[in-house]
PDB file of N, CA and C in Angstrom:
ATOM      1  N   MET A   1     117.690 204.704 170.553  1.00  0.00           N
ATOM      2  CA  MET A   1     116.605 204.095 169.946  1.00  0.00           C
ATOM      3  C   MET A   1     117.064 203.366 168.753  1.00  0.00           C
ATOM      4  N   ASP A   2     117.302 202.113 168.607  1.00  0.00           N
ATOM      5  CA  ASP A   2     117.766 201.317 167.411  1.00  0.00           C
ATOM      6  C   ASP A   2     116.509 201.173 166.519  1.00  0.00           C
ATOM      7  N   THR A   3     116.591 201.969 165.384  1.00  0.00           N
ATOM      8  CA  THR A   3     115.413 201.780 164.494  1.00  0.00           C
ATOM      9  C   THR A   3     115.732 201.215 163.227  1.00  0.00           C
ATOM     10  N   SER A   4     116.796 200.428 162.966  1.00  0.00           N
ATOM     11  CA  SER A   4     117.285 199.863 162.155  1.00  0.00           C
ATOM     12  C   SER A   4     116.170 198.782 161.281  1.00  0.00           C
ATOM     13  N   LEU A   5     115.619 198.015 162.105  1.00  0.00           N
ATOM     14  CA  LEU A   5     114.599 197.038 161.562  1.00  0.00           C
ATOM     15  C   LEU A   5     113.035 197.594 161.622  1.00  0.00           C
ATOM     16  N   ASP A   6     113.095 199.004 162.036  1.00  0.00           N
ATOM     17  CA  ASP A   6     111.499 199.442 161.850  1.00  0.00           C
ATOM     18  C   ASP A   6     111.142 199.870 160.438  1.00  0.00           C
ATOM     19  N   GLN A   7     110.106 199.939 160.259  1.00  0.00           N
ATOM     20  CA  GLN A   7     109.454 200.322 158.953  1.00  0.00           C
ATOM     21  C   GLN A   7     108.912 201.814 159.136  1.00  0.00           C
ATOM     22  N   PRO A   8     109.641 202.658 158.336  1.00  0.00           N
ATOM     23  CA  PRO A   8     109.462 204.021 158.763  1.00  0.00           C
ATOM     24  C   PRO A   8     108.161 204.601 158.232  1.00  0.00           C
ATOM     25  N   ALA A   9     107.567 205.536 158.829  1.00  0.00           N
ATOM     26  CA  ALA A   9     106.120 206.200 158.499  1.00  0.00           C
ATOM     27  C   ALA A   9     106.404 207.711 158.885  1.00  0.00           C
ATOM     28  N   ASN A  10     106.264 208.491 157.946  1.00  0.00           N
ATOM     29  CA  ASN A  10     105.959 209.926 158.481  1.00  0.00           C
ATOM     30  C   ASN A  10     104.780 210.351 159.307  1.00  0.00           C
ATOM     31  N   VAL A  11     104.875 211.226 160.045  1.00  0.00           N
ATOM     32  CA  VAL A  11     103.696 211.695 160.995  1.00  0.00           C
ATOM     33  C   VAL A  11     102.289 211.638 160.165  1.00  0.00           C
ATOM     34  N   ARG A  12     102.254 212.475 158.988  1.00  0.00           N
ATOM     35  CA  ARG A  12     101.141 212.479 158.234  1.00  0.00           C
ATOM     36  C   ARG A  12     100.681 211.258 157.622  1.00  0.00           C
ATOM     37  N   ALA A  13     101.470 210.275 157.040  1.00  0.00           N
ATOM     38  CA  ALA A  13     101.000 209.073 156.601  1.00  0.00           C
ATOM     39  C   ALA A  13     100.710 208.268 157.977  1.00  0.00           C
ATOM     40  N   PHE A  14     101.182 208.191 159.110  1.00  0.00           N
ATOM     41  CA  PHE A  14     100.975 207.477 159.954  1.00  0.00           C
ATOM     42  C   PHE A  14      99.494 207.781 160.613  1.00  0.00           C
ATOM     43  N   ARG A  15      99.174 209.077 160.655  1.00  0.00           N
ATOM     44  CA  ARG A  15      97.964 209.553 161.160  1.00  0.00           C
ATOM     45  C   ARG A  15      96.659 209.223 160.100  1.00  0.00           C
ATOM     46  N   GLU A  16      97.114 209.348 158.722  1.00  0.00           N
ATOM     47  CA  GLU A  16      96.094 208.957 157.835  1.00  0.00           C
ATOM     48  C   GLU A  16      95.698 207.706 157.775  1.00  0.00           C
ATOM     49  N   HIS A  17      96.855 206.855 158.154  1.00  0.00           N
ATOM     50  CA  HIS A  17      96.285 205.372 158.022  1.00  0.00           C
ATOM     51  C   HIS A  17      96.654 204.534 159.409  1.00  0.00           C
ATOM     52  N   LEU A  18      96.135 205.228 160.287  1.00  0.00           N
ATOM     53  CA  LEU A  18      96.566 204.809 161.766  1.00  0.00           C
ATOM     54  C   LEU A  18      95.977 203.416 161.875  1.00  0.00           C
ATOM     55  N   ALA A  19      94.697 203.266 161.724  1.00  0.00           N
ATOM     56  CA  ALA A  19      94.333 201.794 162.072  1.00  0.00           C
ATOM     57  C   ALA A  19      95.080 200.914 161.050  1.00  0.00           C
ATOM     58  N   ASP A  20      95.483 200.928 159.890  1.00  0.00           N
ATOM     59  CA  ASP A  20      96.345 199.926 159.300  1.00  0.00           C
ATOM     60  C   ASP A  20      97.577 199.732 159.947  1.00  0.00           C
ATOM     61  N   HIS A  21      98.246 200.797 160.233  1.00  0.00           N
ATOM     62  CA  HIS A  21      99.667 200.769 161.089  1.00  0.00           C
ATOM     63  C   HIS A  21      99.520 199.992 162.211  1.00  0.00           C
ATOM     64  N   LEU A  22      98.285 200.270 163.142  1.00  0.00           N
ATOM     65  CA  LEU A  22      98.157 199.654 164.279  1.00  0.00           C
ATOM     66  C   LEU A  22      97.848 198.135 164.250  1.00  0.00           C
ATOM     67  N   ARG A  23      97.119 197.724 163.127  1.00  0.00           N
ATOM     68  CA  ARG A  23      96.858 196.403 162.900  1.00  0.00           C
ATOM     69  C   ARG A  23      98.238 195.780 162.519  1.00  0.00           C
ATOM     70  N   GLN A  24      99.126 196.423 161.638  1.00  0.00           N
ATOM     71  CA  GLN A  24     100.121 195.677 161.368  1.00  0.00           C
ATOM     72  C   GLN A  24     101.209 195.660 162.435  1.00  0.00           C
ATOM     73  N   ALA A  25     101.460 196.554 163.400  1.00  0.00           N
ATOM     74  CA  ALA A  25     102.171 196.790 164.560  1.00  0.00           C
ATOM     75  C   ALA A  25     101.561 195.651 165.306  1.00  0.00           C
ATOM     76  N   GLN A  26     100.520 195.092 165.640  1.00  0.00           N
ATOM     77  CA  GLN A  26      99.944 194.235 166.457  1.00  0.00           C
ATOM     78  C   GLN A  26     100.433 192.747 165.736  1.00  0.00           C
ATOM     79  N   ALA A  27     100.420 192.532 164.551  1.00  0.00           N
ATOM     80  CA  ALA A  27     100.956 191.358 163.816  1.00  0.00           C
ATOM     81  C   ALA A  27     102.563 191.247 164.031  1.00  0.00           C
ATOM     82  N   GLY A  28     103.148 192.430 164.145  1.00  0.00           N
ATOM     83  CA  GLY A  28     104.719 191.883 164.352  1.00  0.00           C
ATOM     84  C   GLY A  28     105.740 193.232 163.881  1.00  0.00           C
ATOM     85  N   PRO A  29     105.626 193.783 162.621  1.00  0.00           N
ATOM     86  CA  PRO A  29     106.455 194.841 162.356  1.00  0.00           C
ATOM     87  C   PRO A  29     106.198 196.081 163.141  1.00  0.00           C
ATOM     88  N   SER A  30     107.418 196.480 163.857  1.00  0.00           N
ATOM     89  CA  SER A  30     107.432 197.889 164.353  1.00  0.00           C
ATOM     90  C   SER A  30     107.531 198.957 163.236  1.00  0.00           C
ATOM     91  N   PHE A  31     107.110 200.187 163.755  1.00  0.00           N
ATOM     92  CA  PHE A  31     107.047 201.489 163.007  1.00  0.00           C
ATOM     93  C   PHE A  31     107.953 202.582 163.772  1.00  0.00           C
ATOM     94  N   VAL A  32     108.731 203.294 162.909  1.00  0.00           N
ATOM     95  CA  VAL A  32     109.404 204.500 163.524  1.00  0.00           C
ATOM     96  C   VAL A  32     108.615 205.508 162.850  1.00  0.00           C
ATOM     97  N   ILE A  33     108.116 206.611 163.796  1.00  0.00           N
ATOM     98  CA  ILE A  33     107.401 207.628 163.157  1.00  0.00           C
ATOM     99  C   ILE A  33     108.505 208.813 163.236  1.00  0.00           C
ATOM    100  N   LEU A  34     108.547 209.289 161.575  1.00  0.00           N
ATOM    101  CA  LEU A  34     109.278 210.327 161.547  1.00  0.00           C
ATOM    102  C   LEU A  34     108.733 211.740 161.441  1.00  0.00           C
ATOM    103  N   SER A  35     109.355 212.791 161.821  1.00  0.00           N
ATOM    104  CA  SER A  35     109.166 213.972 161.747  1.00  0.00           C
ATOM    105  C   SER A  35     110.230 214.810 161.273  1.00  0.00           C
ATOM    106  N   ARG A  36     109.869 215.266 159.790  1.00  0.00           N
ATOM    107  CA  ARG A  36     110.932 215.903 159.292  1.00  0.00           C
ATOM    108  C   ARG A  36     112.227 215.113 159.084  1.00  0.00           C
ATOM    109  N   GLY A  37     111.878 213.739 158.891  1.00  0.00           N
ATOM    110  CA  GLY A  37     113.105 212.926 158.755  1.00  0.00           C
ATOM    111  C   GLY A  37     113.730 212.309 160.137  1.00  0.00           C
ATOM    112  N   GLU A  38     113.318 212.868 161.377  1.00  0.00           N
ATOM    113  CA  GLU A  38     114.110 212.551 162.647  1.00  0.00           C
ATOM    114  C   GLU A  38     113.052 211.650 163.132  1.00  0.00           C
ATOM    115  N   PRO A  39     113.692 210.602 163.926  1.00  0.00           N
ATOM    116  CA  PRO A  39     112.637 209.744 164.461  1.00  0.00           C
ATOM    117  C   PRO A  39     111.865 210.523 165.843  1.00  0.00           C
ATOM    118  N   LEU A  40     110.632 210.220 165.851  1.00  0.00           N
ATOM    119  CA  LEU A  40     109.890 210.750 166.888  1.00  0.00           C
ATOM    120  C   LEU A  40     109.254 209.987 167.939  1.00  0.00           C
ATOM    121  N   ALA A  41     108.977 208.624 167.384  1.00  0.00           N
ATOM    122  CA  ALA A  41     108.358 207.769 168.296  1.00  0.00           C
ATOM    123  C   ALA A  41     108.560 206.103 167.627  1.00  0.00           C
ATOM    124  N   ARG A  42     108.237 205.470 168.364  1.00  0.00           N
ATOM    125  CA  ARG A  42     108.296 204.038 168.025  1.00  0.00           C
ATOM    126  C   ARG A  42     107.024 203.381 168.241  1.00  0.00           C
ATOM    127  N   ILE A  43     106.533 202.612 167.364  1.00  0.00           N
ATOM    128  CA  ILE A  43     105.199 201.733 167.631  1.00  0.00           C
ATOM    129  C   ILE A  43     105.544 200.423 167.338  1.00  0.00           C
ATOM    130  N   ALA A  44     105.361 199.546 168.506  1.00  0.00           N
ATOM    131  CA  ALA A  44     105.813 198.274 168.326  1.00  0.00           C
ATOM    132  C   ALA A  44     104.544 197.282 168.872  1.00  0.00           C
ATOM    133  N   PRO A  45     104.729 196.063 168.520  1.00  0.00           N
ATOM    134  CA  PRO A  45     103.763 195.070 169.007  1.00  0.00           C
ATOM    135  C   PRO A  45     103.825 194.758 170.598  1.00  0.00           C
ATOM    136  N   PRO A  46     102.653 194.577 171.031  1.00  0.00           N
ATOM    137  CA  PRO A  46     102.738 194.317 172.650  1.00  0.00           C
ATOM    138  C   PRO A  46     103.613 193.037 172.862  1.00  0.00           C
ATOM    139  N   ASP A  47     104.273 193.083 174.073  1.00  0.00           N
ATOM    140  CA  ASP A  47     104.927 191.948 174.689  1.00  0.00           C
ATOM    141  C   ASP A  47     103.650 190.881 174.742  1.00  0.00           C
ATOM    142  N   PRO A  48     104.190 189.671 174.534  1.00  0.00           N
ATOM    143  CA  PRO A  48     103.252 188.601 174.811  1.00  0.00           C
ATOM    144  C   PRO A  48     102.680 188.314 176.177  1.00  0.00           C
ATOM    145  N   VAL A  49     101.433 188.091 176.502  1.00  0.00           N
ATOM    146  CA  VAL A  49     101.159 187.945 177.740  1.00  0.00           C
ATOM    147  C   VAL A  49     101.208 186.466 178.141  1.00  0.00           C
ATOM    148  N   LEU A  50     102.054 186.226 179.121  1.00  0.00           N
ATOM    149  CA  LEU A  50     102.383 184.735 179.660  1.00  0.00           C
ATOM    150  C   LEU A  50     101.181 184.492 180.544  1.00  0.00           C
ATOM    151  N   PRO A  51     100.588 183.173 180.557  1.00  0.00           N
ATOM    152  CA  PRO A  51      99.701 182.635 181.176  1.00  0.00           C
ATOM    153  C   PRO A  51     100.338 182.563 182.671  1.00  0.00           C
ATOM    154  N   ARG A  52      99.413 182.921 183.612  1.00  0.00           N
ATOM    155  CA  ARG A  52      99.823 182.819 184.928  1.00  0.00           C
ATOM    156  C   ARG A  52     100.739 181.764 185.507  1.00  0.00           C
ATOM    157  N   ALA A  53     100.203 180.328 185.189  1.00  0.00           N
ATOM    158  CA  ALA A  53     100.834 179.161 185.266  1.00  0.00           C
ATOM    159  C   ALA A  53     102.186 179.192 184.840  1.00  0.00           C
ATOM    160  N   ALA A  54     102.543 179.882 183.599  1.00  0.00           N
ATOM    161  CA  ALA A  54     103.985 179.826 183.262  1.00  0.00           C
ATOM    162  C   ALA A  54     104.928 180.893 184.209  1.00  0.00           C
ATOM    163  N   LEU A  55     104.464 181.472 185.126  1.00  0.00           N
ATOM    164  CA  LEU A  55     104.983 182.516 185.972  1.00  0.00           C
ATOM    165  C   LEU A  55     105.513 181.423 187.227  1.00  0.00           C
ATOM    166  N   LEU A  56     104.720 180.450 187.695  1.00  0.00           N
ATOM    167  CA  LEU A  56     104.930 179.928 188.674  1.00  0.00           C
ATOM    168  C   LEU A  56     106.211 178.966 188.510  1.00  0.00           C
ATOM    169  N   GLY A  57     107.170 179.086 189.378  1.00  0.00           N
ATOM    170  CA  GLY A  57     108.203 178.201 189.286  1.00  0.00           C
ATOM    171  C   GLY A  57     109.437 178.885 188.527  1.00  0.00           C
ATOM    172  N   ALA A  58     109.009 180.171 187.894  1.00  0.00           N
ATOM    173  CA  ALA A  58     110.110 180.964 186.915  1.00  0.00           C
ATOM    174  C   ALA A  58     111.333 181.228 187.712  1.00  0.00           C
ATOM    175  N   LEU A  59     111.534 181.366 188.780  1.00  0.00           N
ATOM    176  CA  LEU A  59     112.556 181.710 189.505  1.00  0.00           C
ATOM    177  C   LEU A  59     113.279 180.590 190.351  1.00  0.00           C
ATOM    178  N   ASN A  60     112.782 179.452 189.980  1.00  0.00           N
ATOM    179  CA  ASN A  60     113.307 178.140 190.634  1.00  0.00           C
ATOM    180  C   ASN A  60     114.546 177.628 190.374  1.00  0.00           C
ATOM    181  N   GLY A  61     115.351 177.629 191.482  1.00  0.00           N
ATOM    182  CA  GLY A  61     116.897 177.638 191.227  1.00  0.00           C
ATOM    183  C   GLY A  61     117.851 178.865 191.219  1.00  0.00           C
ATOM    184  N   GLN A  62     116.963 180.110 191.254  1.00  0.00           N
ATOM    185  CA  GLN A  62     117.649 181.115 191.117  1.00  0.00           C
ATOM    186  C   GLN A  62     117.737 182.024 192.372  1.00  0.00           C
ATOM    187  N   ILE A  63     117.118 181.670 193.354  1.00  0.00           N
ATOM    188  CA  ILE A  63     117.058 182.340 194.666  1.00  0.00           C
ATOM    189  C   ILE A  63     117.669 181.410 195.614  1.00  0.00           C
ATOM    190  N   TRP A  64     118.621 182.016 196.331  1.00  0.00           N
ATOM    191  CA  TRP A  64     119.387 181.442 197.618  1.00  0.00           C
ATOM    192  C   TRP A  64     119.054 182.095 198.785  1.00  0.00           C
ATOM    193  N   MET A  65     118.831 181.224 199.865  1.00  0.00           N
ATOM    194  CA  MET A  65     118.461 181.582 201.152  1.00  0.00           C
ATOM    195  C   MET A  65     119.342 180.989 202.261  1.00  0.00           C
ATOM    196  N   ALA A  66     119.961 181.731 202.908  1.00  0.00           N
ATOM    197  CA  ALA A  66     120.882 181.178 204.018  1.00  0.00           C
ATOM    198  C   ALA A  66     120.077 180.297 204.972  1.00  0.00           C
ATOM    199  N   ASP A  67     120.554 179.292 205.421  1.00  0.00           N
ATOM    200  CA  ASP A  67     119.939 178.272 206.199  1.00  0.00           C
ATOM    201  C   ASP A  67     119.470 179.062 207.498  1.00  0.00           C
ATOM    202  N   ASP A  68     120.066 179.984 208.091  1.00  0.00           N
ATOM    203  CA  ASP A  68     119.380 180.577 209.132  1.00  0.00           C
ATOM    204  C   ASP A  68     118.551 181.862 208.925  1.00  0.00           C
ATOM    205  N   PHE A  69     117.983 181.999 207.695  1.00  0.00           N
ATOM    206  CA  PHE A  69     117.491 183.375 207.507  1.00  0.00           C
ATOM    207  C   PHE A  69     116.219 183.500 208.223  1.00  0.00           C
ATOM    208  N   ASP A  70     115.714 182.731 208.914  1.00  0.00           N
ATOM    209  CA  ASP A  70     114.371 183.044 209.612  1.00  0.00           C
ATOM    210  C   ASP A  70     114.841 182.698 211.213  1.00  0.00           C
ATOM    211  N   ALA A  71     116.105 182.851 211.528  1.00  0.00           N
ATOM    212  CA  ALA A  71     116.625 182.470 213.037  1.00  0.00           C
ATOM    213  C   ALA A  71     116.215 183.841 213.805  1.00  0.00           C
ATOM    214  N   ASP A  72     115.877 183.854 214.967  1.00  0.00           N
ATOM    215  CA  ASP A  72     115.601 185.283 215.635  1.00  0.00           C
ATOM    216  C   ASP A  72     117.165 185.736 215.976  1.00  0.00           C
ATOM    217  N   ASP A  73     116.963 187.042 215.869  1.00  0.00           N
ATOM    218  CA  ASP A  73     118.214 187.705 216.098  1.00  0.00           C
ATOM    219  C   ASP A  73     117.902 188.533 217.305  1.00  0.00           C
ATOM    220  N   ALA A  74     118.574 188.077 218.746  1.00  0.00           N
ATOM    221  CA  ALA A  74     118.172 188.706 219.987  1.00  0.00           C
ATOM    222  C   ALA A  74     118.403 190.286 220.009  1.00  0.00           C
ATOM    223  N   ASP A  75     119.548 190.632 219.545  1.00  0.00           N
ATOM    224  CA  ASP A  75     119.586 192.111 219.644  1.00  0.00           C
ATOM    225  C   ASP A  75     118.593 192.788 218.865  1.00  0.00           C
ATOM    226  N   LEU A  76     118.074 192.330 217.761  1.00  0.00           N
ATOM    227  CA  LEU A  76     116.923 192.889 216.903  1.00  0.00           C
ATOM    228  C   LEU A  76     115.537 193.050 217.688  1.00  0.00           C
ATOM    229  N   ILE A  77     115.424 191.895 218.373  1.00  0.00           N
ATOM    230  CA  ILE A  77     114.123 191.594 219.144  1.00  0.00           C
ATOM    231  C   ILE A  77     114.221 192.812 220.337  1.00  0.00           C
ATOM    232  N   ALA A  78     115.240 192.702 220.913  1.00  0.00           N
ATOM    233  CA  ALA A  78     115.281 193.582 222.079  1.00  0.00           C
ATOM    234  C   ALA A  78     115.312 195.057 221.542  1.00  0.00           C
ATOM    235  N   ALA A  79     115.876 195.385 220.675  1.00  0.00           N
ATOM    236  CA  ALA A  79     115.689 196.743 220.138  1.00  0.00           C
ATOM    237  C   ALA A  79     114.415 197.260 219.971  1.00  0.00           C
ATOM    238  N   ALA A  80     113.450 196.129 219.120  1.00  0.00           N
ATOM    239  CA  ALA A  80     112.216 196.552 218.762  1.00  0.00           C
ATOM    240  C   ALA A  80     111.269 196.530 219.953  1.00  0.00           C
ATOM    241  N   GLU A  81     111.543 195.713 220.865  1.00  0.00           N
ATOM    242  CA  GLU A  81     110.803 195.688 222.162  1.00  0.00           C
ATOM    243  C   GLU A  81     111.045 196.999 222.890  1.00  0.00           C
ATOM    244  N   ALA A  82     112.281 197.753 223.022  1.00  0.00           N
ATOM    245  CA  ALA A  82     112.626 198.921 223.501  1.00  0.00           C
ATOM    246  C   ALA A  82     112.129 199.795 222.720  1.00  0.00           C
ATOM    247  N   GLY A  83     111.629 199.794 221.419  1.00  0.00           N
ATOM    248  CA  GLY A  83     111.287 200.843 220.640  1.00  0.00           C
ATOM    249  C   GLY A  83     112.740 201.767 220.079  1.00  0.00           C
ATOM    250  N   LEU A  84     113.629 201.224 219.890  1.00  0.00           N
ATOM    251  CA  LEU A  84     114.743 201.622 219.487  1.00  0.00           C
ATOM    252  C   LEU A  84     115.097 201.222 217.918  1.00  0.00           C
ATOM    253  N   ASP A  85     115.993 202.056 217.444  1.00  0.00           N
ATOM    254  CA  ASP A  85     116.543 201.571 216.034  1.00  0.00           C
ATOM    255  C   ASP A  85     117.467 200.650 216.351  1.00  0.00           C
ATOM    256  N   PRO A  86     117.604 199.494 215.549  1.00  0.00           N
ATOM    257  CA  PRO A  86     118.777 198.567 215.662  1.00  0.00           C
ATOM    258  C   PRO A  86     120.095 199.234 215.333  1.00  0.00           C
TER     259      PRO A  86
END
């Protein structure tokens, strides 16, 4: 866990000011929670939620399909009809 950019907060201070720390984390800064000087957990802002429209076409140009990807495979069809594993 890379905690070099996180603001440190010990467990007691984090618990006593939980609401403040959560509001700050939501706005941007991350916190590393320390217990006896050792990292215990990391509190970070949530990932931004992308609108569904932004996801449409996200893989455009990144997927390749063979020209014959939907061609019938006679051996596979025969095995399926016979109830056998191909």
